[in-house]
Amino acid sequence: MDEMSLKDILKNGETLTVEFKSDLKALPDKDLIAAVVALANTEGGDLYLGVENDGPFRRAFYLSDN
């Protein structure tokens, strides 16, 4: 993924196939598992750790089903 694609994804926000999870506080395992299962039970998608729901991020970790 290039920098421009990431900027577009952050600008467009969460969708059915894009999920952001904050890292400002410890993310309980059950919340992370719930996000992965939700994506797996729909069309699949991408999970971005370290990104706030409204787009800003301190650092981003990208998990994809592709």
Protein backbone atom coordinates (compact mmCIF):
# COMPACT_ATOMS: atom_id res chain seq x y z
CA MET A 1 0.00 0.00 0.00
CA ASP A 2 1.37 3.39 -0.90
CA GLU A 3 1.13 6.56 1.19
CA MET A 4 -1.56 8.12 -1.02
CA SER A 5 -3.83 5.08 -0.68
CA LEU A 6 -3.49 5.19 3.10
CA LYS A 7 -4.32 8.91 3.15
CA ASP A 8 -7.45 8.25 1.06
CA ILE A 9 -8.57 5.44 3.35
CA LEU A 10 -8.06 7.58 6.46
CA LYS A 11 -9.90 10.49 4.85
CA ASN A 12 -12.87 8.29 3.84
CA GLY A 13 -13.17 6.71 7.29
CA GLU A 14 -14.61 3.40 8.35
CA THR A 15 -16.79 1.39 5.99
CA LEU A 16 -18.15 -2.15 5.85
CA THR A 17 -14.69 -3.32 4.80
CA VAL A 18 -12.46 -0.85 6.70
CA GLU A 19 -12.22 -0.85 10.50
CA PHE A 20 -10.09 1.45 12.68
CA LYS A 21 -9.00 0.54 16.21
CA SER A 22 -7.36 3.03 18.56
CA ASP A 23 -4.13 2.35 20.43
CA LEU A 24 -4.56 5.19 22.95
CA LYS A 25 -5.50 2.61 25.56
CA ALA A 26 -4.95 -1.12 25.67
CA LEU A 27 -7.30 -2.89 23.26
CA PRO A 28 -8.83 -5.93 24.94
CA ASP A 29 -8.30 -9.15 23.01
CA LYS A 30 -12.07 -9.71 22.82
CA ASP A 31 -12.52 -6.36 21.01
CA LEU A 32 -9.81 -7.18 18.48
CA ILE A 33 -11.24 -10.66 17.92
CA ALA A 34 -14.75 -9.20 17.52
CA ALA A 35 -13.49 -6.80 14.82
CA VAL A 36 -11.73 -9.59 12.90
CA VAL A 37 -14.76 -11.89 13.14
CA ALA A 38 -17.10 -9.11 12.00
CA LEU A 39 -14.96 -8.51 8.91
CA ALA A 40 -14.69 -12.25 8.24
CA ASN A 41 -18.46 -12.69 8.51
CA THR A 42 -19.17 -10.03 5.88
CA GLU A 43 -17.24 -9.14 2.73
CA GLY A 44 -13.85 -9.31 4.43
CA GLY A 45 -11.80 -6.19 4.75
CA ASP A 46 -8.92 -4.36 6.32
CA LEU A 47 -8.23 -3.61 9.96
CA TYR A 48 -6.06 -0.60 10.88
CA LEU A 49 -4.66 -0.65 14.41
CA GLY A 50 -3.50 2.65 15.89
CA VAL A 51 -6.08 4.74 14.03
CA GLU A 52 -8.85 6.70 15.73
CA ASN A 53 -12.41 6.37 14.39
CA ASP A 54 -12.29 9.93 13.05
CA GLY A 55 -9.09 9.27 11.08
CA PRO A 56 -6.08 10.70 12.97
CA PHE A 57 -3.36 8.22 13.80
CA ARG A 58 -0.14 8.09 15.78
CA ARG A 59 1.04 4.95 14.05
CA ALA A 60 -0.88 2.51 11.94
CA PHE A 61 -0.64 -1.26 11.65
CA TYR A 62 -2.45 -2.72 8.70
CA LEU A 63 -4.06 -6.19 8.62
CA SER A 64 -5.72 -7.34 5.42
CA ASP A 65 -7.52 -10.43 4.23
CA ASN A 66 -5.97 -9.99 0.77
